[in-house]
Protein backbone atom coordinates (compact mmCIF):
# COMPACT_ATOMS: atom_id res chain seq x y z
CA UNK A 1 -24.29 61.35 28.13
CA UNK A 2 -25.24 58.84 30.83
CA UNK A 3 -28.65 60.51 31.31
CA UNK A 4 -29.37 60.42 27.56
CA UNK A 5 -28.38 56.77 27.34
CA UNK A 6 -30.47 55.95 30.41
CA UNK A 7 -33.54 57.58 28.86
CA UNK A 8 -32.99 55.55 25.67
CA UNK A 9 -32.56 52.39 27.70
CA UNK A 10 -35.77 53.12 29.59
CA UNK A 11 -37.73 53.71 26.36
CA UNK A 12 -36.49 50.52 24.72
CA UNK A 13 -37.03 48.55 27.93
CA UNK A 14 -40.62 49.76 28.20
CA UNK A 15 -41.30 48.71 24.61
CA UNK A 16 -39.83 45.29 25.27
CA UNK A 17 -41.81 44.88 28.49
CA UNK A 18 -45.01 45.74 26.58
CA UNK A 19 -43.96 43.22 23.98
CA UNK A 20 -43.40 40.48 26.56
CA UNK A 21 -46.73 41.17 28.25
CA UNK A 22 -48.63 41.27 24.96
CA UNK A 23 -46.99 38.07 23.73
CA UNK A 24 -48.65 36.18 26.54
CA UNK A 25 -52.15 37.63 26.18
CA UNK A 26 -52.86 39.15 22.76
CA UNK A 27 -54.40 37.70 19.62
CA UNK A 28 -55.31 39.61 16.47
CA UNK A 29 -56.05 38.51 12.96
CA UNK A 30 -55.25 41.74 11.09
CA UNK A 31 -51.48 41.87 11.41
CA UNK A 32 -49.12 42.03 8.48
CA UNK A 33 -46.99 38.95 8.02
CA UNK A 34 -43.49 40.44 8.36
CA UNK A 35 -43.59 43.12 11.07
CA UNK A 36 -43.21 40.99 14.19
CA UNK A 37 -39.71 39.65 13.71
CA UNK A 38 -38.43 42.88 12.19
CA UNK A 39 -39.72 45.01 15.07
CA UNK A 40 -38.63 42.61 17.77
CA UNK A 41 -35.15 42.08 16.33
CA UNK A 42 -34.76 45.84 15.90
CA UNK A 43 -35.67 46.46 19.53
CA UNK A 44 -33.35 43.74 20.76
CA UNK A 45 -30.50 45.09 18.64
CA UNK A 46 -31.13 48.59 20.01
CA UNK A 47 -31.06 47.25 23.54
CA UNK A 48 -27.79 45.39 23.00
CA UNK A 49 -26.22 48.50 21.47
CA UNK A 50 -27.27 50.62 24.42
CA UNK A 51 -26.02 48.00 26.86
CA UNK A 52 -22.66 48.01 25.10
CA UNK A 53 -22.54 51.81 25.34
CA UNK A 54 -23.38 51.66 29.04
CA UNK A 55 -20.61 49.12 29.56
CA UNK A 56 -18.10 51.41 27.83
CA UNK A 57 -19.26 54.36 29.93
CA UNK A 58 -18.94 52.21 33.04
CA UNK A 59 -15.36 51.34 32.20
CA UNK A 60 -14.61 55.03 31.69
CA UNK A 61 -16.18 55.90 35.04
CA UNK A 62 -14.16 53.24 36.82
CA UNK A 63 -10.93 54.42 35.19
CA UNK A 64 -11.66 58.04 36.09
CA UNK A 65 -12.45 57.04 39.66
CA UNK A 66 -9.14 55.21 40.04
CA UNK A 67 -7.19 58.17 38.67
CA UNK A 68 -9.09 60.60 40.91
CA UNK A 69 -8.48 58.45 43.94
CA UNK A 70 -4.73 58.23 43.28
CA UNK A 71 -4.43 61.99 42.82
CA UNK A 72 -6.34 62.76 45.99
CA UNK A 73 -4.33 60.27 48.03
CA UNK A 74 -1.15 62.04 46.97
CA UNK A 75 -2.37 65.35 48.45
CA UNK A 76 -3.03 63.59 51.79
CA UNK A 77 -5.30 66.47 52.90
CA UNK A 78 -8.45 65.26 51.14
CA UNK A 79 -10.09 61.85 51.40
CA UNK A 80 -10.38 59.96 48.10
CA UNK A 81 -13.66 60.36 46.25
CA UNK A 82 -15.53 57.10 45.53
CA UNK A 83 -18.49 56.49 43.27
CA UNK A 84 -18.49 52.73 43.75
CA UNK A 85 -22.17 52.94 44.68
CA UNK A 86 -22.97 54.44 41.28
CA UNK A 87 -20.83 51.84 39.55
CA UNK A 88 -22.60 49.04 41.42
CA UNK A 89 -25.94 50.55 40.44
CA UNK A 90 -24.97 50.54 36.77
CA UNK A 91 -23.83 46.93 37.07
CA UNK A 92 -27.21 46.02 38.53
CA UNK A 93 -29.05 47.80 35.70
CA UNK A 94 -26.97 45.98 33.09
CA UNK A 95 -27.68 42.63 34.75
CA UNK A 96 -31.41 43.39 34.79
CA UNK A 97 -31.38 44.40 31.13
CA UNK A 98 -29.45 41.28 30.17
CA UNK A 99 -32.03 39.17 31.98
CA UNK A 100 -34.81 41.03 30.17
CA UNK A 101 -33.24 40.28 26.78
CA UNK A 102 -33.11 36.59 27.68
CA UNK A 103 -36.75 36.57 28.82
CA UNK A 104 -37.90 38.30 25.64
CA UNK A 105 -36.05 35.80 23.44
CA UNK A 106 -37.51 32.88 25.39
CA UNK A 107 -40.98 34.39 25.02
CA UNK A 108 -40.59 34.52 21.23
CA UNK A 109 -39.55 30.88 21.07
CA UNK A 110 -42.59 29.82 23.09
CA UNK A 111 -45.17 31.72 21.01
CA UNK A 112 -48.13 29.63 19.84
CA UNK A 113 -48.59 29.31 16.12
CA UNK A 114 -51.52 31.74 15.94
CA UNK A 115 -50.15 34.47 18.21
CA UNK A 116 -50.00 38.16 17.34
CA UNK A 117 -47.98 40.57 19.44
CA UNK A 118 -48.88 44.28 19.52
CA UNK A 119 -46.02 46.72 20.11
CA UNK A 120 -46.45 50.37 21.01
CA UNK A 121 -43.98 52.39 18.94
CA UNK A 122 -44.20 56.15 18.41
CA UNK A 123 -47.86 56.12 19.58
CA UNK A 124 -48.82 53.91 16.67
CA UNK A 125 -50.05 50.39 17.33
CA UNK A 126 -48.32 47.98 15.00
CA UNK A 127 -48.64 44.26 15.01
CA UNK A 128 -46.04 41.57 14.85
CA UNK A 129 -45.70 38.77 12.42
CA UNK A 130 -47.96 35.77 12.66
CA UNK A 131 -46.62 32.39 11.74
CA UNK A 132 -48.20 31.69 8.39
CA UNK A 133 -51.38 29.67 8.69
CA UNK A 134 -50.33 27.71 5.62
CA UNK A 135 -47.28 26.40 7.49
CA UNK A 136 -48.79 25.27 10.77
CA UNK A 137 -46.38 23.51 13.10
CA UNK A 138 -47.36 21.05 15.76
CA UNK A 139 -45.08 20.69 18.72
CA UNK A 140 -44.19 17.63 20.76
CA UNK A 141 -42.04 17.91 23.85
CA UNK A 142 -40.12 15.43 25.93
CA UNK A 143 -37.45 15.89 28.61
CA UNK A 144 -34.90 17.54 26.33
CA UNK A 145 -36.30 17.63 22.81
CA UNK A 146 -38.42 19.93 20.71
CA UNK A 147 -39.81 18.34 17.56
CA UNK A 148 -41.72 20.20 14.92
CA UNK A 149 -43.61 18.50 12.12
CA UNK A 150 -45.06 20.41 9.21
CA UNK A 151 -48.69 19.67 8.36
CA UNK A 152 -48.81 17.28 5.43
CA UNK A 153 -49.38 19.01 2.12
CA UNK A 154 -48.63 22.54 3.31
CA UNK A 155 -45.85 24.53 1.67
CA UNK A 156 -42.51 24.66 3.43
CA UNK A 157 -41.45 27.97 5.01
CA UNK A 158 -38.72 29.87 3.24
CA UNK A 159 -36.17 29.27 5.98
CA UNK A 160 -36.20 27.10 9.07
CA UNK A 161 -33.35 26.76 11.49
CA UNK A 162 -32.01 23.25 11.69
CA UNK A 163 -30.97 23.86 15.29
CA UNK A 164 -34.61 24.49 16.25
CA UNK A 165 -36.40 21.61 14.54
CA UNK A 166 -36.05 17.91 13.89
CA UNK A 167 -38.27 16.28 11.30
CA UNK A 168 -40.80 13.79 12.55
CA UNK A 169 -40.83 10.51 10.65
CA UNK A 170 -43.30 10.46 7.80
CA UNK A 171 -43.54 14.24 7.38
CA UNK A 172 -42.17 16.60 4.78
CA UNK A 173 -40.07 19.42 6.15
CA UNK A 174 -37.42 21.67 4.66
CA UNK A 175 -34.30 22.16 6.74
CA UNK A 176 -31.70 24.81 5.94
CA UNK A 177 -27.99 24.96 6.63
CA UNK A 178 -25.20 27.14 5.23
CA UNK A 179 -24.09 26.23 1.75
CA UNK A 180 -20.81 24.33 1.71
CA UNK A 181 -19.18 27.01 -0.41
CA UNK A 182 -16.90 29.92 0.34
CA UNK A 183 -18.67 32.03 -2.30
CA UNK A 184 -22.35 31.67 -1.38
CA UNK A 185 -23.55 32.78 2.07
CA UNK A 186 -27.13 31.66 1.39
CA UNK A 187 -28.75 28.51 2.74
CA UNK A 188 -29.83 25.33 1.03
CA UNK A 189 -32.07 22.49 2.21
CA UNK A 190 -30.32 19.57 3.86
CA UNK A 191 -30.02 16.62 1.52
CA UNK A 192 -32.80 14.18 2.35
CA UNK A 193 -30.17 11.43 2.51
CA UNK A 194 -28.97 12.84 5.85
CA UNK A 195 -32.47 12.54 7.34
CA UNK A 196 -33.36 8.99 6.26
CA UNK A 197 -33.07 6.22 8.84
CA UNK A 198 -33.23 2.44 8.71
CA UNK A 199 -34.21 0.02 11.45
CA UNK A 200 -31.91 -2.79 12.53
CA UNK A 201 -32.71 -5.08 15.47
CA UNK A 202 -35.09 -2.53 16.91
CA UNK A 203 -32.70 0.45 16.68
CA UNK A 204 -32.68 3.38 14.24
CA UNK A 205 -29.56 4.09 12.14
CA UNK A 206 -28.80 6.82 9.65
CA UNK A 207 -29.08 5.26 6.20
CA UNK A 208 -26.37 7.51 4.71
CA UNK A 209 -23.94 6.59 7.50
CA UNK A 210 -24.28 2.81 7.39
CA UNK A 211 -24.50 2.54 3.60
CA UNK A 212 -21.28 4.54 3.21
CA UNK A 213 -19.44 2.84 6.08
CA UNK A 214 -19.20 6.08 8.06
CA UNK A 215 -20.93 5.48 11.39
CA UNK A 216 -22.38 2.28 12.84
CA UNK A 217 -23.99 3.49 16.08
CA UNK A 218 -27.73 4.21 16.38
CA UNK A 219 -29.13 7.73 16.00
CA UNK A 220 -32.38 7.21 17.91
CA UNK A 221 -33.60 8.89 21.07
CA UNK A 222 -32.03 6.27 23.37
CA UNK A 223 -28.61 6.90 21.86
CA UNK A 224 -29.04 10.68 22.06
CA UNK A 225 -29.80 10.30 25.76
CA UNK A 226 -26.73 8.10 26.22
CA UNK A 227 -24.52 10.68 24.47
CA UNK A 228 -25.89 13.35 26.80
CA UNK A 229 -25.03 11.18 29.79
CA UNK A 230 -21.57 10.60 28.31
CA UNK A 231 -20.98 14.34 28.24
CA UNK A 232 -21.72 14.59 31.95
CA UNK A 233 -19.29 11.73 32.57
CA UNK A 234 -16.60 13.63 30.67
CA UNK A 235 -17.37 16.67 32.82
CA UNK A 236 -16.77 14.60 35.96
CA UNK A 237 -13.53 13.20 34.51
CA UNK A 238 -12.27 16.66 33.55
CA UNK A 239 -13.38 18.46 36.73
CA UNK A 240 -15.99 20.41 34.75
CA UNK A 241 -13.37 21.85 32.40
CA UNK A 242 -14.69 22.21 28.87
CA UNK A 243 -11.53 23.69 27.36
CA UNK A 244 -7.98 22.81 28.39
CA UNK A 245 -5.82 25.05 26.14
CA UNK A 246 -5.32 28.72 27.18
CA UNK A 247 -8.05 30.12 24.93
CA UNK A 248 -8.89 33.64 26.09
CA UNK A 249 -11.91 35.58 24.85
CA UNK A 250 -12.62 33.32 21.85
CA UNK A 251 -14.63 34.81 19.00
CA UNK A 252 -15.31 31.61 17.04
CA UNK A 253 -15.23 27.95 18.13
CA UNK A 254 -15.90 24.92 15.94
CA UNK A 255 -17.21 21.66 17.43
CA UNK A 256 -16.64 18.68 15.14
CA UNK A 257 -19.22 15.96 15.71
CA UNK A 258 -21.51 17.76 18.16
CA UNK A 259 -23.76 14.70 18.68
CA UNK A 260 -26.59 15.72 21.00
CA UNK A 261 -25.03 19.19 21.31
CA UNK A 262 -24.13 19.08 25.01
CA UNK A 263 -20.54 20.35 24.75
CA UNK A 264 -21.42 23.02 22.18
CA UNK A 265 -24.32 24.28 24.29
CA UNK A 266 -22.22 24.47 27.46
CA UNK A 267 -19.42 26.33 25.68
CA UNK A 268 -21.86 28.76 24.06
CA UNK A 269 -23.31 29.52 27.49
CA UNK A 270 -19.86 29.94 29.01
CA UNK A 271 -18.77 32.33 26.21
CA UNK A 272 -21.91 34.29 25.25
CA UNK A 273 -19.93 36.66 23.00
CA UNK A 274 -18.40 33.80 21.02
CA UNK A 275 -19.91 32.27 17.88
CA UNK A 276 -20.04 28.50 18.39
CA UNK A 277 -20.60 26.34 15.31
CA UNK A 278 -21.29 22.62 15.54
CA UNK A 279 -20.96 20.16 12.65
CA UNK A 280 -22.47 16.69 12.63
CA UNK A 281 -23.65 14.27 9.99
CA UNK A 282 -27.02 13.66 11.63
CA UNK A 283 -29.43 16.26 13.09
CA UNK A 284 -29.92 14.75 16.53
CA UNK A 285 -32.79 16.06 18.65
CA UNK A 286 -31.56 18.97 20.77
CA UNK A 287 -32.95 20.92 23.76
CA UNK A 288 -35.80 23.27 22.87
CA UNK A 289 -33.98 26.24 24.45
CA UNK A 290 -30.35 26.81 23.55
CA UNK A 291 -27.90 29.73 23.41
CA UNK A 292 -28.45 32.41 20.78
CA UNK A 293 -24.78 32.28 19.75
CA UNK A 294 -24.94 28.57 18.81
CA UNK A 295 -25.31 27.39 15.21
CA UNK A 296 -25.65 23.65 14.53
CA UNK A 297 -25.10 22.50 10.96
CA UNK A 298 -25.28 19.18 9.09
CA UNK A 299 -22.30 18.02 7.04
CA UNK A 300 -20.03 15.02 6.54
CA UNK A 301 -16.62 15.69 8.08
CA UNK A 302 -15.11 13.08 5.77
CA UNK A 303 -15.44 15.71 3.03
CA UNK A 304 -12.87 18.53 2.82
CA UNK A 305 -13.76 21.51 4.98
CA UNK A 306 -14.97 24.64 3.23
CA UNK A 307 -14.66 26.98 6.21
CA UNK A 308 -12.38 29.99 5.58
CA UNK A 309 -8.69 29.75 6.42
CA UNK A 310 -7.60 31.29 9.75
CA UNK A 311 -11.21 31.47 10.96
CA UNK A 312 -11.56 29.77 14.37
CA UNK A 313 -9.86 30.42 17.70
CA UNK A 314 -10.40 26.81 18.72
CA UNK A 315 -11.54 23.53 17.15
CA UNK A 316 -12.95 20.78 19.37
CA UNK A 317 -13.11 17.16 18.20
CA UNK A 318 -14.48 14.45 20.49
CA UNK A 319 -15.48 10.84 19.87
CA UNK A 320 -14.75 11.13 16.14
CA UNK A 321 -12.79 7.89 15.68
CA UNK A 322 -16.08 6.12 14.99
CA UNK A 323 -17.00 8.57 12.23
CA UNK A 324 -13.78 9.46 10.41
CA UNK A 325 -12.60 7.11 7.65
CA UNK A 326 -9.26 5.42 8.21
CA UNK A 327 -7.76 7.15 5.15
CA UNK A 328 -9.24 10.54 6.07
CA UNK A 329 -7.34 11.30 9.29
CA UNK A 330 -4.40 13.13 7.68
CA UNK A 331 -6.74 15.37 5.67
CA UNK A 332 -8.99 15.86 8.71
CA UNK A 333 -6.05 17.12 10.78
CA UNK A 334 -4.90 19.39 7.95
CA UNK A 335 -8.42 20.84 7.65
CA UNK A 336 -8.47 21.64 11.37
CA UNK A 337 -5.04 23.26 11.16
CA UNK A 338 -6.02 25.36 8.16
CA UNK A 339 -9.26 26.78 9.58
CA UNK A 340 -7.61 27.71 12.89
CA UNK A 341 -6.34 31.21 13.51
CA UNK A 342 -2.57 31.50 13.97
CA UNK A 343 -1.92 30.50 17.61
CA UNK A 344 -5.38 28.89 17.68
CA UNK A 345 -5.82 25.63 19.55
CA UNK A 346 -7.18 22.18 18.76
CA UNK A 347 -8.52 19.88 21.50
CA UNK A 348 -9.24 16.22 20.77
CA UNK A 349 -10.75 13.53 23.00
CA UNK A 350 -11.10 9.87 22.02
CA UNK A 351 -12.14 6.74 23.90
CA UNK A 352 -10.24 3.56 23.05
CA UNK A 353 -12.95 0.89 23.29
CA UNK A 354 -10.53 -1.83 24.28
CA UNK A 355 -11.31 -2.80 27.87
CA UNK A 356 -8.26 -2.94 30.13
CA UNK A 357 -7.49 -4.16 33.64
CA UNK A 358 -4.27 -3.59 35.57
CA UNK A 359 -4.73 -6.37 38.14
CA UNK A 360 -4.38 -9.28 35.68
CA UNK A 361 -7.90 -10.64 36.19
CA UNK A 362 -9.23 -9.79 32.71
CA UNK A 363 -7.88 -12.40 30.31
CA UNK A 364 -8.32 -12.89 26.58
CA UNK A 365 -11.01 -15.51 27.27
CA UNK A 366 -13.30 -13.14 29.15
CA UNK A 367 -16.35 -11.79 27.34
CA UNK A 368 -15.37 -8.15 27.91
CA UNK A 369 -12.05 -8.74 26.17
CA UNK A 370 -13.76 -10.68 23.36
CA UNK A 371 -16.29 -7.83 22.92
CA UNK A 372 -13.44 -5.30 22.66
CA UNK A 373 -11.51 -7.29 20.06
CA UNK A 374 -14.58 -7.97 17.96
CA UNK A 375 -15.63 -4.32 18.09
CA UNK A 376 -12.22 -3.14 16.87
CA UNK A 377 -12.25 -5.85 14.19
CA UNK A 378 -15.79 -5.04 13.02
CA UNK A 379 -14.99 -1.39 12.25
CA UNK A 380 -12.22 -2.28 9.80
CA UNK A 381 -11.35 -1.45 7.07
CA UNK A 382 -13.59 1.63 7.33
CA UNK A 383 -12.12 2.90 10.61
CA UNK A 384 -8.69 3.02 12.21
CA UNK A 385 -9.08 1.07 15.48
CA UNK A 386 -5.83 2.60 16.77
CA UNK A 387 -6.92 6.20 16.08
CA UNK A 388 -7.18 7.23 19.77
CA UNK A 389 -3.59 6.07 20.39
CA UNK A 390 -2.27 8.06 17.42
CA UNK A 391 -3.71 11.51 18.19
CA UNK A 392 -0.43 13.00 19.41
CA UNK A 393 1.60 11.75 16.44
CA UNK A 394 -1.05 12.86 13.95
CA UNK A 395 -1.25 16.34 15.40
CA UNK A 396 2.55 16.66 15.30
CA UNK A 397 2.73 15.35 11.75
CA UNK A 398 0.03 17.79 10.64
CA UNK A 399 2.11 20.73 11.85
CA UNK A 400 0.75 21.53 15.31
CA UNK A 401 3.17 22.72 17.97
CA UNK A 402 3.09 22.49 21.77
CA UNK A 403 1.35 19.16 21.35
CA UNK A 404 0.51 17.42 24.62
CA UNK A 405 -1.36 14.22 25.37
CA UNK A 406 -2.79 12.64 28.51
CA UNK A 407 -4.09 9.12 29.13
CA UNK A 408 -7.01 9.04 31.56
CA UNK A 409 -8.84 5.92 32.67
CA UNK A 410 -12.63 5.67 32.43
CA UNK A 411 -13.75 3.06 35.02
CA UNK A 412 -16.59 0.87 33.79
CA UNK A 413 -18.12 0.78 37.28
CA UNK A 414 -17.35 2.22 40.72
CA UNK A 415 -14.44 -0.05 41.63
CA UNK A 416 -11.78 2.56 42.45
CA UNK A 417 -10.65 3.37 46.00
CA UNK A 418 -10.09 6.97 44.90
CA UNK A 419 -13.23 8.98 45.68
CA UNK A 420 -13.13 10.97 42.43
CA UNK A 421 -12.53 7.94 40.19
CA UNK A 422 -15.19 5.96 42.07
CA UNK A 423 -17.71 8.75 41.42
CA UNK A 424 -16.82 8.70 37.73
CA UNK A 425 -17.17 4.91 37.63
CA UNK A 426 -20.54 5.01 39.37
CA UNK A 427 -21.74 7.61 36.86
CA UNK A 428 -20.38 5.56 33.93
CA UNK A 429 -21.91 2.25 35.01
CA UNK A 430 -25.23 2.65 33.18
CA UNK A 431 -23.54 4.25 30.17
CA UNK A 432 -21.25 1.23 29.86
CA UNK A 433 -24.18 -1.18 30.01
CA UNK A 434 -25.89 0.70 27.20
CA UNK A 435 -22.90 1.25 24.89
CA UNK A 436 -21.88 -2.43 25.00
CA UNK A 437 -25.13 -3.10 23.16
CA UNK A 438 -25.58 0.03 21.02
CA UNK A 439 -22.05 0.00 19.57
CA UNK A 440 -22.16 -3.73 18.82
CA UNK A 441 -25.55 -4.40 17.24
CA UNK A 442 -24.95 -3.24 13.67
CA UNK A 443 -21.24 -3.97 13.06
CA UNK A 444 -21.27 -7.36 14.80
CA UNK A 445 -24.16 -8.61 12.70
CA UNK A 446 -23.35 -7.04 9.33
CA UNK A 447 -19.53 -7.02 9.41
CA UNK A 448 -18.84 -10.18 11.42
CA UNK A 449 -21.95 -12.15 10.53
CA UNK A 450 -22.88 -12.88 14.14
CA UNK A 451 -26.43 -13.96 14.88
CA UNK A 452 -28.66 -11.87 17.12
CA UNK A 453 -28.56 -14.63 19.72
CA UNK A 454 -24.75 -14.71 19.78
CA UNK A 455 -24.59 -10.92 20.03
CA UNK A 456 -27.09 -10.83 22.89
CA UNK A 457 -25.19 -13.55 24.77
CA UNK A 458 -21.81 -11.85 24.34
CA UNK A 459 -23.21 -8.45 25.38
CA UNK A 460 -24.88 -9.94 28.46
CA UNK A 461 -21.65 -11.63 29.58
CA UNK A 462 -19.59 -8.49 28.88
CA UNK A 463 -22.03 -6.38 30.87
CA UNK A 464 -21.73 -8.67 33.86
CA UNK A 465 -17.92 -8.50 33.79
CA UNK A 466 -17.89 -4.72 33.29
CA UNK A 467 -20.14 -4.39 36.34
CA UNK A 468 -17.92 -6.62 38.49
CA UNK A 469 -15.57 -4.49 40.65
CA UNK A 470 -13.14 -7.40 40.96
CA UNK A 471 -12.01 -6.93 37.34
CA UNK A 472 -11.28 -3.21 37.86
CA UNK A 473 -11.99 -2.73 34.15
CA UNK A 474 -11.69 0.57 32.32
CA UNK A 475 -11.54 2.14 28.86
CA UNK A 476 -8.49 4.34 28.12
CA UNK A 477 -9.37 7.94 27.19
CA UNK A 478 -6.86 10.07 25.27
CA UNK A 479 -6.93 13.85 25.59
CA UNK A 480 -4.65 15.74 23.21
CA UNK A 481 -4.15 19.45 22.50
CA UNK A 482 -2.02 21.35 20.00
CA UNK A 483 -1.51 24.90 18.78
CA UNK A 484 -1.28 26.28 15.25
CA UNK A 485 2.04 28.10 14.89
CA UNK A 486 2.39 31.70 13.70
CA UNK A 487 2.80 32.11 9.97
CA UNK A 488 2.18 28.42 9.37
CA UNK A 489 2.37 27.07 5.84
CA UNK A 490 1.95 23.43 4.94
CA UNK A 491 5.49 22.14 4.25
CA UNK A 492 6.18 19.92 1.26
CA UNK A 493 6.83 16.88 3.40
CA UNK A 494 3.68 17.57 5.44
CA UNK A 495 5.56 17.65 8.73
CA UNK A 496 6.57 20.23 11.31
CA UNK A 497 8.74 19.69 14.34
CA UNK A 498 6.98 20.59 17.61
CA UNK A 499 8.48 23.19 19.92
CA UNK A 500 8.75 22.15 23.54
CA UNK A 501 7.09 24.63 25.89
CA UNK A 502 5.88 24.34 29.50
CA UNK A 503 2.81 22.14 29.87
CA UNK A 504 -0.65 23.69 29.77
CA UNK A 505 -2.52 20.39 29.92
CA UNK A 506 -3.07 19.61 33.58
CA UNK A 507 -5.44 16.75 34.22
CA UNK A 508 -5.71 15.06 37.57
């Protein structure tokens, strides 16, 4: 059986190698419009199936070897037989094939718009699909973003992945995401309202978000870069741990408010066999190469979730206090509980943007304290300024069990004597300088009526104090986890009592 599978693997691999080589050098104008993706996807599926079969055979070989070795050791007159060399060889082949699959997929994503790819199959030369000339795409690249703009006046393609493309301003492009319905698996174009932006004091904001009091931070490239930096700061705070609950071999993970996609991308890479779905209200620019098992969708999490019940092994929610309505939190927690599998876990992380200092130097008259109070005031009545402090109670009230919470400090600069905290503070210094402006511009002017001059003066003074090690200033960060109990049903009073179990949330 191994020989037969090896021959099949070799045949498929040769076809894929021809495909990869031809994708870089061939052009032809006589191809049919649908064969490329069908042929390529078929070959890739065949390769994955064969790799799975090889893996199963490998496990059987290893098990047989262990049994054989135990039996021979019992006789004591014959040395144990080992085929570890063969096993290692199979492991190497699987690694090579996995690398080949990745290279092929990357090659497809980098194809120019007028490329044809010939594939040799059964001695007949067939040609792969050409991107329709009536839907030409022009590409613009920066450090982490792929942007595609459809040529003005050309018809939109039938389906485009939202996680691949971000519409350039002034162009017409059709995005597709799953329908928010349990009955219809098809896709529909994203409502244009989610894509419209407005300019305020030189920054770009999502029109839908600010007009509906949902989100008051910018959605431009500068903010996307800051959110990416913030993810790396969280990594440093959490010792590179993405998931704290004991989630083993997850099949589906939901990321609520994926932002620039950093956490979702890292988790998808860490669990390649897991389907990772991200939901956000705005389609931020994302890296041009991302995991195949990642699906980013656009939706407003203030609306009731339409995902199936008992669907996800884990739900991740981070930095959502600035996007969830004050009166939506109870329903938001119930939605998360419902879509989780029994014994599934929820992990929530929120920053309390109320600057603190434990040495008594930061008083109510300092600009950093004034900035904090005005920020919390400016988000009301739309947001709950105390939401980060209430995560544990809200999870318990929703019905989660084994609920645990940790308070971690986020230094605003490198003032700490602890080497780890100092490194986090040094990394967070620039992020702090940027967020003091980006989070304040819109709500301070529109909600509090502050002039641009007053905002700029307050931000400048707050930045100076945040950057002064003598204040030892920090933002509190709340990390909370909870598990969905077995056989959970929403009680009439909406509350469940948590069961006390040994801690699984260990944060330095």
